[in-house]
Each structure stands twice: as structure tokens, then as C-alpha cells.
Amino acid sequence: MEIILNGEVKCTAAATLQALLLEQGFGAKVATARNGDFVPLTLRGTTPICKGDRIEVLAAMQGG
């Protein structure tokens, strides 16, 4: 199915947000949102992914 991940159209077979993160190579230390709603780490495994969903994944960056 097609979703929008960080502004880009992606095809995925993932059924949950956690499965999508694993499929796309993201680590656990990220913040996630589905269709504009924050999804905490504890709910990622039960948060379904549907066709057309907008998923945002943000990671903290260090700078100096």
C-alpha cells in the first residue's frame, strides 16, 4: 500500500507503525506521528497503518 513517510510517497507491506519503522530502518529513539497525531513508543506495535496515512518520524540531532 502507499503511504506518505516524511513527505515522500512510499510503498509498504507493514501493518503497524512499529513494523514500518523496522522495515524502513529506523531505530527506537525516534518520535512518531500518524496523520498529525503523536504516537508514543508503547502504542507503535498496535497502531495500524492504512493506505494514504501520513507518517512523520523525527530523530534528535546533536550539533555543536
PDB file of N, CA and C in Angstrom:
ATOM      1  N   MET A   1       0.841  -1.175   0.000  1.00  0.00           N
ATOM      2  CA  MET A   1       0.000   0.000   0.000  1.00  0.00           C
ATOM      3  C   MET A   1       0.883   1.235   0.000  1.00  0.00           C
ATOM      4  N   GLU A   2       0.348   2.339  -0.434  1.00  0.00           N
ATOM      5  CA  GLU A   2       1.091   3.593  -0.460  1.00  0.00           C
ATOM      6  C   GLU A   2       0.746   4.448   0.755  1.00  0.00           C
ATOM      7  N   ILE A   3       1.799   4.972   1.373  1.00  0.00           N
ATOM      8  CA  ILE A   3       1.672   5.910   2.481  1.00  0.00           C
ATOM      9  C   ILE A   3       2.586   7.090   2.185  1.00  0.00           C
ATOM     10  N   ILE A   4       2.503   8.106   3.014  1.00  0.00           N
ATOM     11  CA  ILE A   4       3.427   9.238   2.910  1.00  0.00           C
ATOM     12  C   ILE A   4       4.290   9.217   4.161  1.00  0.00           C
ATOM     13  N   LEU A   5       5.583   9.001   3.975  1.00  0.00           N
ATOM     14  CA  LEU A   5       6.530   8.928   5.073  1.00  0.00           C
ATOM     15  C   LEU A   5       7.477  10.112   4.983  1.00  0.00           C
ATOM     16  N   ASN A   6       7.399  10.992   5.978  1.00  0.00           N
ATOM     17  CA  ASN A   6       8.230  12.200   5.998  1.00  0.00           C
ATOM     18  C   ASN A   6       8.141  12.969   4.679  1.00  0.00           C
ATOM     19  N   GLY A   7       6.937  13.059   4.147  1.00  0.00           N
ATOM     20  CA  GLY A   7       6.699  13.854   2.948  1.00  0.00           C
ATOM     21  C   GLY A   7       6.933  13.144   1.630  1.00  0.00           C
ATOM     22  N   GLU A   8       7.357  11.879   1.660  1.00  0.00           N
ATOM     23  CA  GLU A   8       7.615  11.128   0.434  1.00  0.00           C
ATOM     24  C   GLU A   8       6.669   9.941   0.327  1.00  0.00           C
ATOM     25  N   VAL A   9       6.153   9.690  -0.860  1.00  0.00           N
ATOM     26  CA  VAL A   9       5.295   8.531  -1.084  1.00  0.00           C
ATOM     27  C   VAL A   9       6.159   7.275  -1.019  1.00  0.00           C
ATOM     28  N   LYS A  10       5.713   6.313  -0.217  1.00  0.00           N
ATOM     29  CA  LYS A  10       6.424   5.038  -0.052  1.00  0.00           C
ATOM     30  C   LYS A  10       5.428   3.901  -0.171  1.00  0.00           C
ATOM     31  N   CYS A  11       5.894   2.773  -0.685  1.00  0.00           N
ATOM     32  CA  CYS A  11       5.100   1.545  -0.693  1.00  0.00           C
ATOM     33  C   CYS A  11       5.555   0.694   0.482  1.00  0.00           C
ATOM     34  N   THR A  12       4.609   0.117   1.200  1.00  0.00           N
ATOM     35  CA  THR A  12       4.932  -0.705   2.358  1.00  0.00           C
ATOM     36  C   THR A  12       3.971  -1.875   2.483  1.00  0.00           C
ATOM     37  N   ALA A  13       4.459  -2.929   3.086  1.00  0.00           N
ATOM     38  CA  ALA A  13       3.620  -4.075   3.424  1.00  0.00           C
ATOM     39  C   ALA A  13       3.355  -4.106   4.921  1.00  0.00           C
ATOM     40  N   ALA A  14       3.901  -3.126   5.658  1.00  0.00           N
ATOM     41  CA  ALA A  14       3.769  -3.082   7.118  1.00  0.00           C
ATOM     42  C   ALA A  14       2.316  -2.861   7.522  1.00  0.00           C
ATOM     43  N   ALA A  15       1.905  -3.566   8.569  1.00  0.00           N
ATOM     44  CA  ALA A  15       0.544  -3.429   9.074  1.00  0.00           C
ATOM     45  C   ALA A  15       0.469  -2.486  10.270  1.00  0.00           C
ATOM     46  N   THR A  16       1.612  -2.282  10.951  1.00  0.00           N
ATOM     47  CA  THR A  16       1.633  -1.411  12.128  1.00  0.00           C
ATOM     48  C   THR A  16       2.750  -0.386  11.997  1.00  0.00           C
ATOM     49  N   LEU A  17       2.674   0.624  12.819  1.00  0.00           N
ATOM     50  CA  LEU A  17       3.703   1.651  12.817  1.00  0.00           C
ATOM     51  C   LEU A  17       5.058   1.061  13.191  1.00  0.00           C
ATOM     52  N   GLN A  18       5.087   0.169  14.177  1.00  0.00           N
ATOM     53  CA  GLN A  18       6.345  -0.456  14.581  1.00  0.00           C
ATOM     54  C   GLN A  18       6.951  -1.252  13.429  1.00  0.00           C
ATOM     55  N   ALA A  19       6.133  -2.003  12.713  1.00  0.00           N
ATOM     56  CA  ALA A  19       6.625  -2.781  11.574  1.00  0.00           C
ATOM     57  C   ALA A  19       7.173  -1.861  10.479  1.00  0.00           C
ATOM     58  N   LEU A  20       6.533  -0.720  10.274  1.00  0.00           N
ATOM     59  CA  LEU A  20       7.014   0.253   9.289  1.00  0.00           C
ATOM     60  C   LEU A  20       8.378   0.795   9.687  1.00  0.00           C
ATOM     61  N   LEU A  21       8.550   1.124  10.964  1.00  0.00           N
ATOM     62  CA  LEU A  21       9.831   1.638  11.435  1.00  0.00           C
ATOM     63  C   LEU A  21      10.949   0.623  11.216  1.00  0.00           C
ATOM     64  N   LEU A  22      10.667  -0.628  11.517  1.00  0.00           N
ATOM     65  CA  LEU A  22      11.662  -1.682  11.295  1.00  0.00           C
ATOM     66  C   LEU A  22      11.962  -1.841   9.811  1.00  0.00           C
ATOM     67  N   GLU A  23      10.917  -1.869   8.997  1.00  0.00           N
ATOM     68  CA  GLU A  23      11.067  -2.022   7.547  1.00  0.00           C
ATOM     69  C   GLU A  23      11.907  -0.904   6.942  1.00  0.00           C
ATOM     70  N   GLN A  24      11.731   0.313   7.440  1.00  0.00           N
ATOM     71  CA  GLN A  24      12.416   1.476   6.883  1.00  0.00           C
ATOM     72  C   GLN A  24      13.764   1.750   7.560  1.00  0.00           C
ATOM     73  N   GLY A  25      14.146   0.944   8.543  1.00  0.00           N
ATOM     74  CA  GLY A  25      15.457   1.052   9.158  1.00  0.00           C
ATOM     75  C   GLY A  25      15.603   2.108  10.239  1.00  0.00           C
ATOM     76  N   PHE A  26      14.491   2.532  10.830  1.00  0.00           N
ATOM     77  CA  PHE A  26      14.556   3.498  11.926  1.00  0.00           C
ATOM     78  C   PHE A  26      14.837   2.788  13.232  1.00  0.00           C
ATOM     79  N   GLY A  27      15.569   3.445  14.127  1.00  0.00           N
ATOM     80  CA  GLY A  27      15.816   2.915  15.459  1.00  0.00           C
ATOM     81  C   GLY A  27      14.674   3.251  16.395  1.00  0.00           C
ATOM     82  N   ALA A  28      14.816   2.837  17.645  1.00  0.00           N
ATOM     83  CA  ALA A  28      13.755   3.063  18.634  1.00  0.00           C
ATOM     84  C   ALA A  28      13.728   4.494  19.152  1.00  0.00           C
ATOM     85  N   LYS A  29      14.828   5.217  19.029  1.00  0.00           N
ATOM     86  CA  LYS A  29      14.911   6.565  19.603  1.00  0.00           C
ATOM     87  C   LYS A  29      14.445   7.618  18.598  1.00  0.00           C
ATOM     88  N   VAL A  30      13.175   7.524  18.248  1.00  0.00           N
ATOM     89  CA  VAL A  30      12.556   8.485  17.340  1.00  0.00           C
ATOM     90  C   VAL A  30      11.197   8.884  17.902  1.00  0.00           C
ATOM     91  N   ALA A  31      10.681   9.999  17.434  1.00  0.00           N
ATOM     92  CA  ALA A  31       9.319  10.423  17.746  1.00  0.00           C
ATOM     93  C   ALA A  31       8.472  10.142  16.509  1.00  0.00           C
ATOM     94  N   THR A  32       7.248   9.708  16.720  1.00  0.00           N
ATOM     95  CA  THR A  32       6.399   9.340  15.584  1.00  0.00           C
ATOM     96  C   THR A  32       5.025   9.998  15.669  1.00  0.00           C
ATOM     97  N   ALA A  33       4.472  10.256  14.489  1.00  0.00           N
ATOM     98  CA  ALA A  33       3.113  10.772  14.389  1.00  0.00           C
ATOM     99  C   ALA A  33       2.426  10.109  13.205  1.00  0.00           C
ATOM    100  N   ARG A  34       1.144   9.867  13.356  1.00  0.00           N
ATOM    101  CA  ARG A  34       0.321   9.294  12.285  1.00  0.00           C
ATOM    102  C   ARG A  34      -0.819  10.268  12.029  1.00  0.00           C
ATOM    103  N   ASN A  35      -0.867  10.786  10.819  1.00  0.00           N
ATOM    104  CA  ASN A  35      -1.898  11.749  10.427  1.00  0.00           C
ATOM    105  C   ASN A  35      -1.978  12.933  11.391  1.00  0.00           C
ATOM    106  N   GLY A  36      -0.787  13.384  11.829  1.00  0.00           N
ATOM    107  CA  GLY A  36      -0.712  14.559  12.683  1.00  0.00           C
ATOM    108  C   GLY A  36      -0.857  14.300  14.167  1.00  0.00           C
ATOM    109  N   ASP A  37      -1.139  13.054  14.558  1.00  0.00           N
ATOM    110  CA  ASP A  37      -1.302  12.719  15.971  1.00  0.00           C
ATOM    111  C   ASP A  37      -0.066  11.981  16.483  1.00  0.00           C
ATOM    112  N   PHE A  38       0.503  12.467  17.594  1.00  0.00           N
ATOM    113  CA  PHE A  38       1.657  11.827  18.212  1.00  0.00           C
ATOM    114  C   PHE A  38       1.324  10.383  18.587  1.00  0.00           C
ATOM    115  N   VAL A  39       2.264   9.463  18.304  1.00  0.00           N
ATOM    116  CA  VAL A  39       2.101   8.062  18.696  1.00  0.00           C
ATOM    117  C   VAL A  39       3.276   7.699  19.606  1.00  0.00           C
ATOM    118  N   PRO A  40       3.007   7.441  20.901  1.00  0.00           N
ATOM    119  CA  PRO A  40       4.094   7.101  21.810  1.00  0.00           C
ATOM    120  C   PRO A  40       4.670   5.710  21.519  1.00  0.00           C
ATOM    121  N   LEU A  41       5.874   5.488  21.985  1.00  0.00           N
ATOM    122  CA  LEU A  41       6.571   4.228  21.784  1.00  0.00           C
ATOM    123  C   LEU A  41       5.715   3.029  22.175  1.00  0.00           C
ATOM    124  N   THR A  42       5.009   3.132  23.271  1.00  0.00           N
ATOM    125  CA  THR A  42       4.222   2.000  23.784  1.00  0.00           C
ATOM    126  C   THR A  42       3.042   1.612  22.900  1.00  0.00           C
ATOM    127  N   LEU A  43       2.627   2.505  22.001  1.00  0.00           N
ATOM    128  CA  LEU A  43       1.473   2.215  21.142  1.00  0.00           C
ATOM    129  C   LEU A  43       1.844   1.894  19.697  1.00  0.00           C
ATOM    130  N   ARG A  44       3.116   1.974  19.349  1.00  0.00           N
ATOM    131  CA  ARG A  44       3.520   1.758  17.956  1.00  0.00           C
ATOM    132  C   ARG A  44       3.190   0.356  17.446  1.00  0.00           C
ATOM    133  N   GLY A  45       3.318  -0.642  18.302  1.00  0.00           N
ATOM    134  CA  GLY A  45       3.049  -2.018  17.888  1.00  0.00           C
ATOM    135  C   GLY A  45       1.584  -2.306  17.610  1.00  0.00           C
ATOM    136  N   THR A  46       0.690  -1.477  18.137  1.00  0.00           N
ATOM    137  CA  THR A  46      -0.746  -1.690  17.927  1.00  0.00           C
ATOM    138  C   THR A  46      -1.389  -0.595  17.082  1.00  0.00           C
ATOM    139  N   THR A  47      -0.576   0.349  16.600  1.00  0.00           N
ATOM    140  CA  THR A  47      -1.104   1.423  15.752  1.00  0.00           C
ATOM    141  C   THR A  47      -1.091   0.965  14.302  1.00  0.00           C
ATOM    142  N   PRO A  48      -2.278   0.789  13.707  1.00  0.00           N
ATOM    143  CA  PRO A  48      -2.329   0.292  12.329  1.00  0.00           C
ATOM    144  C   PRO A  48      -1.893   1.345  11.310  1.00  0.00           C
ATOM    145  N   ILE A  49      -1.376   0.867  10.209  1.00  0.00           N
ATOM    146  CA  ILE A  49      -1.020   1.717   9.069  1.00  0.00           C
ATOM    147  C   ILE A  49      -2.044   1.444   7.974  1.00  0.00           C
ATOM    148  N   CYS A  50      -2.626   2.503   7.448  1.00  0.00           N
ATOM    149  CA  CYS A  50      -3.633   2.369   6.391  1.00  0.00           C
ATOM    150  C   CYS A  50      -3.193   3.121   5.143  1.00  0.00           C
ATOM    151  N   LYS A  51      -3.714   2.717   4.018  1.00  0.00           N
ATOM    152  CA  LYS A  51      -3.401   3.369   2.750  1.00  0.00           C
ATOM    153  C   LYS A  51      -3.641   4.872   2.869  1.00  0.00           C
ATOM    154  N   GLY A  52      -2.646   5.658   2.430  1.00  0.00           N
ATOM    155  CA  GLY A  52      -2.770   7.108   2.429  1.00  0.00           C
ATOM    156  C   GLY A  52      -2.373   7.793   3.731  1.00  0.00           C
ATOM    157  N   ASP A  53      -2.027   7.011   4.764  1.00  0.00           N
ATOM    158  CA  ASP A  53      -1.617   7.623   6.033  1.00  0.00           C
ATOM    159  C   ASP A  53      -0.396   8.510   5.839  1.00  0.00           C
ATOM    160  N   ARG A  54      -0.327   9.586   6.625  1.00  0.00           N
ATOM    161  CA  ARG A  54       0.837  10.467   6.661  1.00  0.00           C
ATOM    162  C   ARG A  54       1.615  10.160   7.938  1.00  0.00           C
ATOM    163  N   ILE A  55       2.794   9.591   7.781  1.00  0.00           N
ATOM    164  CA  ILE A  55       3.618   9.209   8.923  1.00  0.00           C
ATOM    165  C   ILE A  55       4.825  10.145   8.982  1.00  0.00           C
ATOM    166  N   GLU A  56       5.076  10.682  10.167  1.00  0.00           N
ATOM    167  CA  GLU A  56       6.248  11.519  10.393  1.00  0.00           C
ATOM    168  C   GLU A  56       7.138  10.825  11.421  1.00  0.00           C
ATOM    169  N   VAL A  57       8.427  10.737  11.123  1.00  0.00           N
ATOM    170  CA  VAL A  57       9.396  10.147  12.031  1.00  0.00           C
ATOM    171  C   VAL A  57      10.503  11.163  12.227  1.00  0.00           C
ATOM    172  N   LEU A  58      10.726  11.538  13.481  1.00  0.00           N
ATOM    173  CA  LEU A  58      11.736  12.556  13.801  1.00  0.00           C
ATOM    174  C   LEU A  58      12.752  11.982  14.776  1.00  0.00           C
ATOM    175  N   ALA A  59      14.021  12.263  14.519  1.00  0.00           N
ATOM    176  CA  ALA A  59      15.089  11.844  15.422  1.00  0.00           C
ATOM    177  C   ALA A  59      15.825  13.081  15.915  1.00  0.00           C
ATOM    178  N   ALA A  60      16.230  13.031  17.187  1.00  0.00           N
ATOM    179  CA  ALA A  60      17.005  14.143  17.743  1.00  0.00           C
ATOM    180  C   ALA A  60      18.384  14.162  17.104  1.00  0.00           C
ATOM    181  N   MET A  61      18.905  15.370  16.889  1.00  0.00           N
ATOM    182  CA  MET A  61      20.234  15.503  16.300  1.00  0.00           C
ATOM    183  C   MET A  61      21.080  16.361  17.227  1.00  0.00           C
ATOM    184  N   GLN A  62      22.341  16.008  17.313  1.00  0.00           N
ATOM    185  CA  GLN A  62      23.258  16.795  18.116  1.00  0.00           C
ATOM    186  C   GLN A  62      24.095  17.658  17.206  1.00  0.00           C
ATOM    187  N   GLY A  63      24.424  18.793  17.693  1.00  0.00           N
ATOM    188  CA  GLY A  63      25.262  19.695  16.907  1.00  0.00           C
ATOM    189  C   GLY A  63      26.201  20.451  17.823  1.00  0.00           C
ATOM    190  N   GLY A  64      27.079  21.178  17.225  1.00  0.00           N
ATOM    191  CA  GLY A  64      27.988  21.890  18.096  1.00  0.00           C
ATOM    192  C   GLY A  64      28.499  23.157  17.496  1.00  0.00           C
TER     193      GLY A  64
END
